[in-house]
Amino acid sequence: MQAVSFPQIMQILALTDEMEISREEVDIPLTPESPGVVRRLPNGKLEIVVDADMPFDEWLKGLAPTIHDLMDEKDEGR
């Protein structure tokens, strides 16, 4: 994958919408990386970088648990 498509971005945002995460709090770079990553940026936003080497649908299935884990860490003060 060389670039994240608009339909893929919409799928990611649909997932974060279901998790009640504001779209203004999500940053999705258009260029995927290997490996992909989900992290908090210094400004507090949630950065979601698509994995360049994994099929998108497979990667997307693991996104919600990854976000939940990150949110749990934030709630625990790590």
PDB file of N, CA and C in Angstrom:
ATOM      1  N   MET A   1       0.844  -1.180   0.000  1.00  0.00           N
ATOM      2  CA  MET A   1       0.000   0.000   0.000  1.00  0.00           C
ATOM      3  C   MET A   1       0.890   1.244   0.000  1.00  0.00           C
ATOM      4  N   GLN A   2       0.607   2.155  -0.902  1.00  0.00           N
ATOM      5  CA  GLN A   2       1.412   3.369  -1.003  1.00  0.00           C
ATOM      6  C   GLN A   2       0.719   4.587  -0.405  1.00  0.00           C
ATOM      7  N   ALA A   3      -0.610   4.561  -0.356  1.00  0.00           N
ATOM      8  CA  ALA A   3      -1.354   5.682   0.215  1.00  0.00           C
ATOM      9  C   ALA A   3      -2.657   5.169   0.805  1.00  0.00           C
ATOM     10  N   VAL A   4      -3.107   5.838   1.846  1.00  0.00           N
ATOM     11  CA  VAL A   4      -4.382   5.501   2.474  1.00  0.00           C
ATOM     12  C   VAL A   4      -5.470   6.195   1.672  1.00  0.00           C
ATOM     13  N   SER A   5      -6.461   5.432   1.241  1.00  0.00           N
ATOM     14  CA  SER A   5      -7.523   5.978   0.399  1.00  0.00           C
ATOM     15  C   SER A   5      -8.614   6.642   1.246  1.00  0.00           C
ATOM     16  N   PHE A   6      -9.408   7.475   0.594  1.00  0.00           N
ATOM     17  CA  PHE A   6     -10.517   8.128   1.278  1.00  0.00           C
ATOM     18  C   PHE A   6     -11.498   7.101   1.861  1.00  0.00           C
ATOM     19  N   PRO A   7     -11.887   6.056   1.112  1.00  0.00           N
ATOM     20  CA  PRO A   7     -12.779   5.053   1.712  1.00  0.00           C
ATOM     21  C   PRO A   7     -12.163   4.374   2.941  1.00  0.00           C
ATOM     22  N   GLN A   8     -10.856   4.166   2.938  1.00  0.00           N
ATOM     23  CA  GLN A   8     -10.195   3.569   4.101  1.00  0.00           C
ATOM     24  C   GLN A   8     -10.229   4.531   5.291  1.00  0.00           C
ATOM     25  N   ILE A   9      -9.993   5.794   5.033  1.00  0.00           N
ATOM     26  CA  ILE A   9     -10.078   6.802   6.089  1.00  0.00           C
ATOM     27  C   ILE A   9     -11.486   6.819   6.676  1.00  0.00           C
ATOM     28  N   MET A  10     -12.485   6.728   5.815  1.00  0.00           N
ATOM     29  CA  MET A  10     -13.865   6.734   6.294  1.00  0.00           C
ATOM     30  C   MET A  10     -14.156   5.509   7.159  1.00  0.00           C
ATOM     31  N   GLN A  11     -13.567   4.363   6.829  1.00  0.00           N
ATOM     32  CA  GLN A  11     -13.743   3.166   7.652  1.00  0.00           C
ATOM     33  C   GLN A  11     -13.097   3.353   9.022  1.00  0.00           C
ATOM     34  N   ILE A  12     -11.933   3.955   9.056  1.00  0.00           N
ATOM     35  CA  ILE A  12     -11.258   4.228  10.328  1.00  0.00           C
ATOM     36  C   ILE A  12     -12.089   5.194  11.164  1.00  0.00           C
ATOM     37  N   LEU A  13     -12.583   6.251  10.532  1.00  0.00           N
ATOM     38  CA  LEU A  13     -13.382   7.233  11.257  1.00  0.00           C
ATOM     39  C   LEU A  13     -14.708   6.651  11.731  1.00  0.00           C
ATOM     40  N   ALA A  14     -15.295   5.743  10.961  1.00  0.00           N
ATOM     41  CA  ALA A  14     -16.524   5.082  11.405  1.00  0.00           C
ATOM     42  C   ALA A  14     -16.258   4.297  12.685  1.00  0.00           C
ATOM     43  N   LEU A  15     -15.110   3.643  12.736  1.00  0.00           N
ATOM     44  CA  LEU A  15     -14.740   2.883  13.926  1.00  0.00           C
ATOM     45  C   LEU A  15     -14.523   3.813  15.124  1.00  0.00           C
ATOM     46  N   THR A  16     -13.792   4.909  14.925  1.00  0.00           N
ATOM     47  CA  THR A  16     -13.564   5.832  16.040  1.00  0.00           C
ATOM     48  C   THR A  16     -14.857   6.538  16.437  1.00  0.00           C
ATOM     49  N   ASP A  17     -15.755   6.769  15.490  1.00  0.00           N
ATOM     50  CA  ASP A  17     -17.072   7.329  15.820  1.00  0.00           C
ATOM     51  C   ASP A  17     -17.826   6.385  16.757  1.00  0.00           C
ATOM     52  N   GLU A  18     -17.789   5.089  16.448  1.00  0.00           N
ATOM     53  CA  GLU A  18     -18.449   4.092  17.302  1.00  0.00           C
ATOM     54  C   GLU A  18     -17.860   4.080  18.703  1.00  0.00           C
ATOM     55  N   MET A  19     -16.579   4.411  18.796  1.00  0.00           N
ATOM     56  CA  MET A  19     -15.899   4.444  20.088  1.00  0.00           C
ATOM     57  C   MET A  19     -16.083   5.795  20.779  1.00  0.00           C
ATOM     58  N   GLU A  20     -16.862   6.668  20.168  1.00  0.00           N
ATOM     59  CA  GLU A  20     -17.148   8.011  20.678  1.00  0.00           C
ATOM     60  C   GLU A  20     -15.885   8.856  20.831  1.00  0.00           C
ATOM     61  N   ILE A  21     -14.997   8.718  19.859  1.00  0.00           N
ATOM     62  CA  ILE A  21     -13.797   9.554  19.786  1.00  0.00           C
ATOM     63  C   ILE A  21     -14.058  10.616  18.726  1.00  0.00           C
ATOM     64  N   SER A  22     -13.937  11.867  19.113  1.00  0.00           N
ATOM     65  CA  SER A  22     -14.193  12.976  18.199  1.00  0.00           C
ATOM     66  C   SER A  22     -13.247  12.920  17.005  1.00  0.00           C
ATOM     67  N   ARG A  23     -13.778  13.192  15.832  1.00  0.00           N
ATOM     68  CA  ARG A  23     -12.943  13.212  14.631  1.00  0.00           C
ATOM     69  C   ARG A  23     -11.856  14.274  14.718  1.00  0.00           C
ATOM     70  N   GLU A  24     -12.101  15.323  15.482  1.00  0.00           N
ATOM     71  CA  GLU A  24     -11.105  16.373  15.650  1.00  0.00           C
ATOM     72  C   GLU A  24      -9.914  15.886  16.480  1.00  0.00           C
ATOM     73  N   GLU A  25     -10.083  14.780  17.185  1.00  0.00           N
ATOM     74  CA  GLU A  25      -9.032  14.236  18.032  1.00  0.00           C
ATOM     75  C   GLU A  25      -8.232  13.134  17.339  1.00  0.00           C
ATOM     76  N   VAL A  26      -8.513  12.894  16.054  1.00  0.00           N
ATOM     77  CA  VAL A  26      -7.876  11.800  15.322  1.00  0.00           C
ATOM     78  C   VAL A  26      -7.049  12.362  14.168  1.00  0.00           C
ATOM     79  N   ASP A  27      -5.827  11.875  14.051  1.00  0.00           N
ATOM     80  CA  ASP A  27      -4.939  12.248  12.951  1.00  0.00           C
ATOM     81  C   ASP A  27      -4.579  10.969  12.196  1.00  0.00           C
ATOM     82  N   ILE A  28      -4.891  10.921  10.901  1.00  0.00           N
ATOM     83  CA  ILE A  28      -4.608   9.753  10.074  1.00  0.00           C
ATOM     84  C   ILE A  28      -3.704  10.192   8.921  1.00  0.00           C
ATOM     85  N   PRO A  29      -2.397   9.939   9.026  1.00  0.00           N
ATOM     86  CA  PRO A  29      -1.503  10.280   7.918  1.00  0.00           C
ATOM     87  C   PRO A  29      -1.882   9.511   6.649  1.00  0.00           C
ATOM     88  N   LEU A  30      -1.698  10.136   5.513  1.00  0.00           N
ATOM     89  CA  LEU A  30      -2.048   9.508   4.239  1.00  0.00           C
ATOM     90  C   LEU A  30      -1.028   8.475   3.791  1.00  0.00           C
ATOM     91  N   THR A  31       0.153   8.513   4.377  1.00  0.00           N
ATOM     92  CA  THR A  31       1.203   7.573   4.008  1.00  0.00           C
ATOM     93  C   THR A  31       1.298   6.475   5.061  1.00  0.00           C
ATOM     94  N   PRO A  32       1.061   5.226   4.670  1.00  0.00           N
ATOM     95  CA  PRO A  32       1.194   4.133   5.633  1.00  0.00           C
ATOM     96  C   PRO A  32       2.663   3.883   5.969  1.00  0.00           C
ATOM     97  N   GLU A  33       2.894   3.201   7.081  1.00  0.00           N
ATOM     98  CA  GLU A  33       4.257   2.872   7.505  1.00  0.00           C
ATOM     99  C   GLU A  33       4.335   1.387   7.817  1.00  0.00           C
ATOM    100  N   SER A  34       5.537   0.903   7.905  1.00  0.00           N
ATOM    101  CA  SER A  34       5.740  -0.487   8.301  1.00  0.00           C
ATOM    102  C   SER A  34       6.655  -0.505   9.513  1.00  0.00           C
ATOM    103  N   PRO A  35       6.182  -0.888  10.655  1.00  0.00           N
ATOM    104  CA  PRO A  35       4.814  -1.292  10.939  1.00  0.00           C
ATOM    105  C   PRO A  35       3.925  -0.077  11.174  1.00  0.00           C
ATOM    106  N   GLY A  36       2.625  -0.291  11.114  1.00  0.00           N
ATOM    107  CA  GLY A  36       1.672   0.761  11.452  1.00  0.00           C
ATOM    108  C   GLY A  36       1.720   1.011  12.952  1.00  0.00           C
ATOM    109  N   VAL A  37       1.125   2.105  13.384  1.00  0.00           N
ATOM    110  CA  VAL A  37       1.179   2.445  14.811  1.00  0.00           C
ATOM    111  C   VAL A  37      -0.047   3.259  15.203  1.00  0.00           C
ATOM    112  N   VAL A  38      -0.434   3.107  16.448  1.00  0.00           N
ATOM    113  CA  VAL A  38      -1.463   3.955  17.046  1.00  0.00           C
ATOM    114  C   VAL A  38      -0.828   4.541  18.295  1.00  0.00           C
ATOM    115  N   ARG A  39      -0.812   5.877  18.382  1.00  0.00           N
ATOM    116  CA  ARG A  39      -0.156   6.522  19.514  1.00  0.00           C
ATOM    117  C   ARG A  39      -0.801   7.869  19.811  1.00  0.00           C
ATOM    118  N   ARG A  40      -0.520   8.363  21.003  1.00  0.00           N
ATOM    119  CA  ARG A  40      -0.925   9.709  21.390  1.00  0.00           C
ATOM    120  C   ARG A  40       0.176  10.670  20.968  1.00  0.00           C
ATOM    121  N   LEU A  41      -0.213  11.740  20.325  1.00  0.00           N
ATOM    122  CA  LEU A  41       0.738  12.785  19.953  1.00  0.00           C
ATOM    123  C   LEU A  41       0.901  13.753  21.120  1.00  0.00           C
ATOM    124  N   PRO A  42       1.967  14.542  21.138  1.00  0.00           N
ATOM    125  CA  PRO A  42       2.157  15.507  22.230  1.00  0.00           C
ATOM    126  C   PRO A  42       0.979  16.469  22.401  1.00  0.00           C
ATOM    127  N   ASN A  43       0.249  16.736  21.307  1.00  0.00           N
ATOM    128  CA  ASN A  43      -0.905  17.637  21.396  1.00  0.00           C
ATOM    129  C   ASN A  43      -2.163  16.927  21.891  1.00  0.00           C
ATOM    130  N   GLY A  44      -2.050  15.623  22.231  1.00  0.00           N
ATOM    131  CA  GLY A  44      -3.183  14.873  22.770  1.00  0.00           C
ATOM    132  C   GLY A  44      -3.998  14.119  21.733  1.00  0.00           C
ATOM    133  N   LYS A  45      -3.761  14.407  20.460  1.00  0.00           N
ATOM    134  CA  LYS A  45      -4.510  13.718  19.418  1.00  0.00           C
ATOM    135  C   LYS A  45      -4.078  12.257  19.309  1.00  0.00           C
ATOM    136  N   LEU A  46      -4.970  11.458  18.774  1.00  0.00           N
ATOM    137  CA  LEU A  46      -4.721  10.048  18.531  1.00  0.00           C
ATOM    138  C   LEU A  46      -4.243   9.908  17.093  1.00  0.00           C
ATOM    139  N   GLU A  47      -3.002   9.487  16.906  1.00  0.00           N
ATOM    140  CA  GLU A  47      -2.466   9.278  15.564  1.00  0.00           C
ATOM    141  C   GLU A  47      -2.633   7.811  15.200  1.00  0.00           C
ATOM    142  N   ILE A  48      -3.264   7.576  14.056  1.00  0.00           N
ATOM    143  CA  ILE A  48      -3.492   6.223  13.562  1.00  0.00           C
ATOM    144  C   ILE A  48      -2.785   6.101  12.228  1.00  0.00           C
ATOM    145  N   VAL A  49      -1.689   5.333  12.226  1.00  0.00           N
ATOM    146  CA  VAL A  49      -0.894   5.141  11.012  1.00  0.00           C
ATOM    147  C   VAL A  49      -1.163   3.727  10.503  1.00  0.00           C
ATOM    148  N   VAL A  50      -1.709   3.631   9.305  1.00  0.00           N
ATOM    149  CA  VAL A  50      -2.036   2.342   8.698  1.00  0.00           C
ATOM    150  C   VAL A  50      -0.759   1.560   8.418  1.00  0.00           C
ATOM    151  N   ASP A  51      -0.826   0.247   8.644  1.00  0.00           N
ATOM    152  CA  ASP A  51       0.318  -0.635   8.378  1.00  0.00           C
ATOM    153  C   ASP A  51       0.431  -0.878   6.877  1.00  0.00           C
ATOM    154  N   ALA A  52       1.583  -0.557   6.312  1.00  0.00           N
ATOM    155  CA  ALA A  52       1.798  -0.662   4.868  1.00  0.00           C
ATOM    156  C   ALA A  52       1.894  -2.102   4.385  1.00  0.00           C
ATOM    157  N   ASP A  53       2.284  -3.018   5.272  1.00  0.00           N
ATOM    158  CA  ASP A  53       2.538  -4.394   4.852  1.00  0.00           C
ATOM    159  C   ASP A  53       1.393  -5.366   5.123  1.00  0.00           C
ATOM    160  N   MET A  54       0.377  -4.912   5.824  1.00  0.00           N
ATOM    161  CA  MET A  54      -0.727  -5.789   6.191  1.00  0.00           C
ATOM    162  C   MET A  54      -1.957  -5.445   5.341  1.00  0.00           C
ATOM    163  N   PRO A  55      -2.737  -6.449   4.910  1.00  0.00           N
ATOM    164  CA  PRO A  55      -3.978  -6.125   4.206  1.00  0.00           C
ATOM    165  C   PRO A  55      -4.848  -5.215   5.084  1.00  0.00           C
ATOM    166  N   PHE A  56      -5.394  -4.179   4.487  1.00  0.00           N
ATOM    167  CA  PHE A  56      -6.120  -3.161   5.250  1.00  0.00           C
ATOM    168  C   PHE A  56      -7.232  -3.763   6.101  1.00  0.00           C
ATOM    169  N   ASP A  57      -8.059  -4.629   5.520  1.00  0.00           N
ATOM    170  CA  ASP A  57      -9.187  -5.188   6.266  1.00  0.00           C
ATOM    171  C   ASP A  57      -8.719  -5.966   7.494  1.00  0.00           C
ATOM    172  N   GLU A  58      -7.625  -6.677   7.356  1.00  0.00           N
ATOM    173  CA  GLU A  58      -7.057  -7.426   8.484  1.00  0.00           C
ATOM    174  C   GLU A  58      -6.542  -6.454   9.546  1.00  0.00           C
ATOM    175  N   TRP A  59      -5.842  -5.421   9.115  1.00  0.00           N
ATOM    176  CA  TRP A  59      -5.320  -4.409  10.028  1.00  0.00           C
ATOM    177  C   TRP A  59      -6.456  -3.717  10.759  1.00  0.00           C
ATOM    178  N   LEU A  60      -7.517  -3.386  10.026  1.00  0.00           N
ATOM    179  CA  LEU A  60      -8.653  -2.670  10.612  1.00  0.00           C
ATOM    180  C   LEU A  60      -9.316  -3.486  11.721  1.00  0.00           C
ATOM    181  N   LYS A  61      -9.354  -4.797  11.574  1.00  0.00           N
ATOM    182  CA  LYS A  61      -9.958  -5.654  12.607  1.00  0.00           C
ATOM    183  C   LYS A  61      -9.233  -5.522  13.938  1.00  0.00           C
ATOM    184  N   GLY A  62      -7.955  -5.255  13.918  1.00  0.00           N
ATOM    185  CA  GLY A  62      -7.184  -5.116  15.146  1.00  0.00           C
ATOM    186  C   GLY A  62      -7.112  -3.701  15.682  1.00  0.00           C
ATOM    187  N   LEU A  63      -7.703  -2.749  14.967  1.00  0.00           N
ATOM    188  CA  LEU A  63      -7.571  -1.350  15.368  1.00  0.00           C
ATOM    189  C   LEU A  63      -8.308  -1.036  16.665  1.00  0.00           C
ATOM    190  N   ALA A  64      -9.547  -1.467  16.805  1.00  0.00           N
ATOM    191  CA  ALA A  64     -10.316  -1.140  18.020  1.00  0.00           C
ATOM    192  C   ALA A  64      -9.626  -1.650  19.279  1.00  0.00           C
ATOM    193  N   PRO A  65      -9.179  -2.917  19.312  1.00  0.00           N
ATOM    194  CA  PRO A  65      -8.473  -3.369  20.518  1.00  0.00           C
ATOM    195  C   PRO A  65      -7.199  -2.558  20.800  1.00  0.00           C
ATOM    196  N   THR A  66      -6.504  -2.168  19.754  1.00  0.00           N
ATOM    197  CA  THR A  66      -5.286  -1.365  19.929  1.00  0.00           C
ATOM    198  C   THR A  66      -5.623  -0.013  20.541  1.00  0.00           C
ATOM    199  N   ILE A  67      -6.690   0.618  20.048  1.00  0.00           N
ATOM    200  CA  ILE A  67      -7.117   1.909  20.600  1.00  0.00           C
ATOM    201  C   ILE A  67      -7.558   1.736  22.050  1.00  0.00           C
ATOM    202  N   HIS A  68      -8.323   0.687  22.330  1.00  0.00           N
ATOM    203  CA  HIS A  68      -8.760   0.430  23.713  1.00  0.00           C
ATOM    204  C   HIS A  68      -7.559   0.298  24.644  1.00  0.00           C
ATOM    205  N   ASP A  69      -6.540  -0.452  24.225  1.00  0.00           N
ATOM    206  CA  ASP A  69      -5.336  -0.626  25.041  1.00  0.00           C
ATOM    207  C   ASP A  69      -4.657   0.719  25.311  1.00  0.00           C
ATOM    208  N   LEU A  70      -4.567   1.552  24.280  1.00  0.00           N
ATOM    209  CA  LEU A  70      -3.942   2.859  24.429  1.00  0.00           C
ATOM    210  C   LEU A  70      -4.750   3.734  25.374  1.00  0.00           C
ATOM    211  N   MET A  71      -6.059   3.700  25.267  1.00  0.00           N
ATOM    212  CA  MET A  71      -6.928   4.488  26.136  1.00  0.00           C
ATOM    213  C   MET A  71      -6.836   4.010  27.583  1.00  0.00           C
ATOM    214  N   ASP A  72      -6.727   2.688  27.771  1.00  0.00           N
ATOM    215  CA  ASP A  72      -6.575   2.137  29.119  1.00  0.00           C
ATOM    216  C   ASP A  72      -5.271   2.632  29.752  1.00  0.00           C
ATOM    217  N   GLU A  73      -4.204   2.673  28.960  1.00  0.00           N
ATOM    218  CA  GLU A  73      -2.923   3.166  29.459  1.00  0.00           C
ATOM    219  C   GLU A  73      -3.050   4.627  29.888  1.00  0.00           C
ATOM    220  N   LYS A  74      -3.771   5.430  29.088  1.00  0.00           N
ATOM    221  CA  LYS A  74      -3.953   6.841  29.399  1.00  0.00           C
ATOM    222  C   LYS A  74      -4.748   6.982  30.694  1.00  0.00           C
ATOM    223  N   ASP A  75      -5.807   6.170  30.842  1.00  0.00           N
ATOM    224  CA  ASP A  75      -6.634   6.247  32.039  1.00  0.00           C
ATOM    225  C   ASP A  75      -5.871   5.833  33.294  1.00  0.00           C
ATOM    226  N   GLU A  76      -4.911   4.930  33.129  1.00  0.00           N
ATOM    227  CA  GLU A  76      -4.110   4.464  34.259  1.00  0.00           C
ATOM    228  C   GLU A  76      -2.966   5.422  34.571  1.00  0.00           C
ATOM    229  N   GLY A  77      -2.818   6.468  33.748  1.00  0.00           N
ATOM    230  CA  GLY A  77      -1.798   7.474  34.004  1.00  0.00           C
ATOM    231  C   GLY A  77      -0.409   7.117  33.552  1.00  0.00           C
ATOM    232  N   ARG A  78      -0.306   6.192  32.623  1.00  0.00           N
ATOM    233  CA  ARG A  78       1.020   5.813  32.106  1.00  0.00           C
ATOM    234  C   ARG A  78       1.501   6.774  31.075  1.00  0.00           C
TER     235      ARG A  78
END
